[in-house]
Amino acid sequence: MTAHPLGPRVALITADRAPLTAARHWDSGDPGPIVAALAFVPELLEAALPFIGQALNGSIADRRTAELVIVRSSAVLGCTYCTLTHGAIALDAEVSPAEVRALCDLTPGRREAFPGERERVLLAWVDEVAAGRGDVPDQVARDLAAHVDDALLVELTAMVGCTIFLNRFCTTLRLPVSEATLARLAGAGIDPQELAA
């Protein structure tokens, strides 16, 4: 795994050190750094994982939309772990390498990589929600409301909120990005340094 130059702030739990109530998460191999960090508090791990899974995988939003939201939120908040990890996942959700790069580019012209009005207004809305400057401007909300119903708006909001939580968690604990993730990005012609905050 590629780690922060100063290393993670906690020694991530390994299968041989996993608390009994969290050990099942290693049954299929390495569950990743988020689980390995949350395993320090098994009660929190067991409560957080179902919520994280549901919030990020959604039930209404299609996979591409979910990854647009997660990668863009992570880029706005400067979370290298989540930006790189979900940048690679986005490639499998029909997000092109050029679109992944655009999601991570904080300059205004980046939205032109997305030809559809729905995705452009979605990204403008994500920018407002993730930046945390207070209430989303009415015009941004109206623009998105023209493309999504209330149920999807609620799900997208929960998705951004969960991503913000994970961004702060992963950045603060300096969780390492896997070599497989870096290889997936490189295989798509994306230099991870392009996406890293």
Protein backbone atom coordinates (compact mmCIF):
# COMPACT_ATOMS: atom_id res chain seq x y z
CA MET A 1 0.00 0.00 0.00
CA THR A 2 1.10 3.54 -0.66
CA ALA A 3 1.08 5.37 2.61
CA HIS A 4 1.30 8.93 3.83
CA PRO A 5 4.99 9.90 4.20
CA LEU A 6 4.47 10.05 7.96
CA GLY A 7 2.57 6.76 8.01
CA PRO A 8 -0.91 6.01 9.31
CA ARG A 9 -1.83 7.44 12.69
CA VAL A 10 -2.97 4.03 13.95
CA ALA A 11 -1.42 0.59 13.43
CA LEU A 12 -4.15 -0.96 11.30
CA ILE A 13 -5.66 -4.15 12.71
CA THR A 14 -4.58 -7.33 10.95
CA ALA A 15 -6.37 -10.69 10.87
CA ASP A 16 -4.20 -12.08 13.67
CA ARG A 17 -5.00 -9.07 15.91
CA ALA A 18 -8.67 -8.66 15.02
CA PRO A 19 -11.06 -8.63 17.96
CA LEU A 20 -13.23 -11.73 18.00
CA THR A 21 -16.36 -9.77 17.12
CA ALA A 22 -14.64 -8.21 14.08
CA ALA A 23 -12.61 -11.23 12.88
CA ARG A 24 -15.20 -12.30 10.28
CA HIS A 25 -14.29 -9.27 8.17
CA TRP A 26 -10.97 -10.96 7.36
CA ASP A 27 -12.57 -14.25 6.23
CA SER A 28 -12.23 -13.33 2.55
CA GLY A 29 -8.85 -11.64 2.87
CA ASP A 30 -7.78 -8.09 3.63
CA PRO A 31 -10.94 -6.01 4.17
CA GLY A 32 -9.10 -2.73 3.58
CA PRO A 33 -7.88 0.08 5.77
CA ILE A 34 -11.27 1.50 6.74
CA VAL A 35 -12.34 -1.80 8.31
CA ALA A 36 -8.84 -2.32 9.74
CA ALA A 37 -9.08 1.04 11.52
CA LEU A 38 -12.71 0.73 12.64
CA ALA A 39 -11.93 -2.73 14.07
CA PHE A 40 -10.30 -1.01 17.04
CA VAL A 41 -13.88 -0.33 18.15
CA PRO A 42 -15.86 -3.39 17.00
CA GLU A 43 -19.18 -1.92 18.13
CA LEU A 44 -18.58 1.12 15.92
CA LEU A 45 -17.42 -1.10 13.04
CA GLU A 46 -20.61 -3.17 13.17
CA ALA A 47 -22.82 -0.08 13.31
CA ALA A 48 -20.91 1.92 10.67
CA LEU A 49 -20.41 -0.66 7.91
CA PRO A 50 -24.08 -1.25 7.07
CA PHE A 51 -24.74 2.50 6.96
CA ILE A 52 -21.65 3.20 4.85
CA GLY A 53 -22.52 0.38 2.47
CA GLN A 54 -26.10 1.53 2.04
CA ALA A 55 -25.26 5.24 1.81
CA LEU A 56 -22.52 4.80 -0.78
CA ASN A 57 -24.11 2.05 -2.84
CA GLY A 58 -27.54 3.60 -2.75
CA SER A 59 -30.77 2.03 -3.86
CA ILE A 60 -32.04 4.69 -6.25
CA ALA A 61 -28.88 6.25 -7.70
CA ASP A 62 -27.20 4.29 -10.46
CA ARG A 63 -23.57 3.26 -9.94
CA ARG A 64 -22.16 5.95 -12.25
CA THR A 65 -24.05 8.72 -10.45
CA ALA A 66 -22.92 7.41 -7.07
CA GLU A 67 -19.26 7.40 -8.13
CA LEU A 68 -19.53 10.91 -9.61
CA VAL A 69 -20.82 12.08 -6.24
CA ILE A 70 -18.22 10.21 -4.17
CA VAL A 71 -15.18 11.14 -6.28
CA ARG A 72 -16.21 14.78 -6.59
CA SER A 73 -16.98 15.12 -2.87
CA SER A 74 -13.62 13.53 -2.03
CA ALA A 75 -11.75 15.85 -4.40
CA VAL A 76 -13.47 18.94 -2.97
CA LEU A 77 -12.47 17.86 0.54
CA GLY A 78 -8.94 16.86 -0.48
CA CYS A 79 -9.10 13.24 0.68
CA THR A 80 -6.36 11.44 -1.23
CA TYR A 81 -7.41 8.00 0.00
CA CYS A 82 -11.06 8.33 -1.09
CA THR A 83 -10.28 10.22 -4.30
CA LEU A 84 -7.82 7.56 -5.48
CA THR A 85 -9.83 4.58 -4.25
CA HIS A 86 -13.11 5.77 -5.74
CA GLY A 87 -11.36 7.13 -8.82
CA ALA A 88 -10.41 3.51 -9.56
CA ILE A 89 -13.90 2.22 -8.65
CA ALA A 90 -15.46 4.87 -10.91
CA LEU A 91 -13.64 3.41 -13.90
CA ASP A 92 -15.71 0.24 -13.41
CA ALA A 93 -18.89 2.34 -13.19
CA GLU A 94 -18.55 3.67 -16.74
CA VAL A 95 -16.78 6.88 -15.73
CA SER A 96 -14.04 7.54 -18.29
CA PRO A 97 -10.45 8.38 -17.30
CA ALA A 98 -11.01 11.93 -18.65
CA GLU A 99 -14.12 12.26 -16.47
CA VAL A 100 -12.24 10.98 -13.41
CA ARG A 101 -9.59 13.62 -14.02
CA ALA A 102 -12.28 16.28 -14.45
CA LEU A 103 -13.93 15.29 -11.17
CA CYS A 104 -10.63 15.90 -9.41
CA ASP A 105 -9.87 19.19 -11.17
CA LEU A 106 -11.05 22.07 -9.05
CA THR A 107 -11.05 24.61 -11.91
CA PRO A 108 -14.46 25.82 -13.16
CA GLY A 109 -14.10 24.51 -16.74
CA ARG A 110 -13.95 20.89 -15.65
CA ARG A 111 -17.71 20.45 -15.88
CA GLU A 112 -17.43 20.63 -19.67
CA ALA A 113 -16.18 17.03 -19.58
CA PHE A 114 -19.78 16.07 -18.76
CA PRO A 115 -22.03 16.69 -21.76
CA GLY A 116 -25.33 16.09 -19.98
CA GLU A 117 -27.07 18.89 -18.10
CA ARG A 118 -28.14 16.45 -15.34
CA GLU A 119 -24.55 15.56 -14.46
CA ARG A 120 -23.37 19.18 -14.64
CA VAL A 121 -26.04 20.39 -12.22
CA LEU A 122 -25.42 17.35 -10.01
CA LEU A 123 -21.73 18.28 -9.76
CA ALA A 124 -22.55 21.93 -9.02
CA TRP A 125 -24.82 20.72 -6.21
CA VAL A 126 -22.16 18.31 -4.87
CA ASP A 127 -19.64 21.18 -4.85
CA GLU A 128 -21.97 23.26 -2.67
CA VAL A 129 -22.86 20.45 -0.27
CA ALA A 130 -19.30 19.14 0.11
CA ALA A 131 -17.75 22.59 0.52
CA GLY A 132 -19.90 23.10 3.61
CA ARG A 133 -20.45 26.84 3.20
CA GLY A 134 -23.93 26.62 4.67
CA ASP A 135 -27.20 26.14 2.86
CA VAL A 136 -27.05 25.22 -0.82
CA PRO A 137 -28.05 28.24 -2.95
CA ASP A 138 -31.67 28.04 -4.14
CA GLN A 139 -30.74 28.18 -7.82
CA VAL A 140 -28.37 25.21 -7.48
CA ALA A 141 -31.09 23.25 -5.67
CA ARG A 142 -33.71 24.20 -8.29
CA ASP A 143 -31.38 23.17 -11.11
CA LEU A 144 -30.90 19.73 -9.58
CA ALA A 145 -34.59 19.37 -8.68
CA ALA A 146 -35.39 19.62 -12.40
CA HIS A 147 -33.52 16.31 -12.86
CA VAL A 148 -34.13 14.29 -9.69
CA ASP A 149 -37.07 13.50 -7.45
CA ASP A 150 -37.15 14.00 -3.68
CA ALA A 151 -36.14 10.42 -2.88
CA LEU A 152 -33.04 10.64 -5.05
CA LEU A 153 -32.18 14.05 -3.60
CA VAL A 154 -32.28 12.56 -0.10
CA GLU A 155 -30.13 9.61 -1.17
CA LEU A 156 -27.58 11.86 -2.90
CA THR A 157 -27.41 14.08 0.18
CA ALA A 158 -26.77 11.06 2.42
CA MET A 159 -24.12 9.91 -0.05
CA VAL A 160 -22.27 13.23 0.17
CA GLY A 161 -22.63 13.26 3.96
CA CYS A 162 -21.27 9.75 4.32
CA THR A 163 -18.41 10.62 1.97
CA ILE A 164 -17.57 13.67 4.08
CA PHE A 165 -17.44 11.46 7.18
CA LEU A 166 -15.17 8.95 5.44
CA ASN A 167 -13.00 11.71 3.96
CA ARG A 168 -12.32 13.15 7.40
CA PHE A 169 -11.80 9.68 8.89
CA CYS A 170 -9.38 8.50 6.19
CA THR A 171 -7.45 11.77 5.96
CA THR A 172 -7.09 12.22 9.70
CA LEU A 173 -5.91 8.64 10.21
CA ARG A 174 -3.74 8.82 7.04
CA LEU A 175 -5.07 5.56 5.64
CA PRO A 176 -2.88 4.02 2.91
CA VAL A 177 -4.03 3.50 -0.68
CA SER A 178 -3.57 -0.03 -1.98
CA GLU A 179 -1.10 -0.88 -4.71
CA ALA A 180 -3.97 -2.55 -6.62
CA THR A 181 -5.82 0.79 -6.69
CA LEU A 182 -2.74 2.62 -7.94
CA ALA A 183 -2.21 -0.06 -10.61
CA ARG A 184 -5.86 0.19 -11.72
CA LEU A 185 -5.51 3.94 -12.18
CA ALA A 186 -2.18 3.60 -13.97
CA GLY A 187 -3.67 0.92 -16.22
CA ALA A 188 -6.31 3.47 -17.29
CA GLY A 189 -3.62 6.02 -18.06
CA ILE A 190 -4.20 8.06 -14.91
CA ASP A 191 -1.22 9.21 -12.86
CA PRO A 192 -2.37 8.99 -9.21
CA GLN A 193 -0.47 12.22 -8.52
CA GLU A 194 -2.95 13.96 -10.86
CA LEU A 195 -5.81 13.02 -8.56
CA ALA A 196 -4.10 13.31 -5.20
CA ALA A 197 -4.89 16.40 -3.21
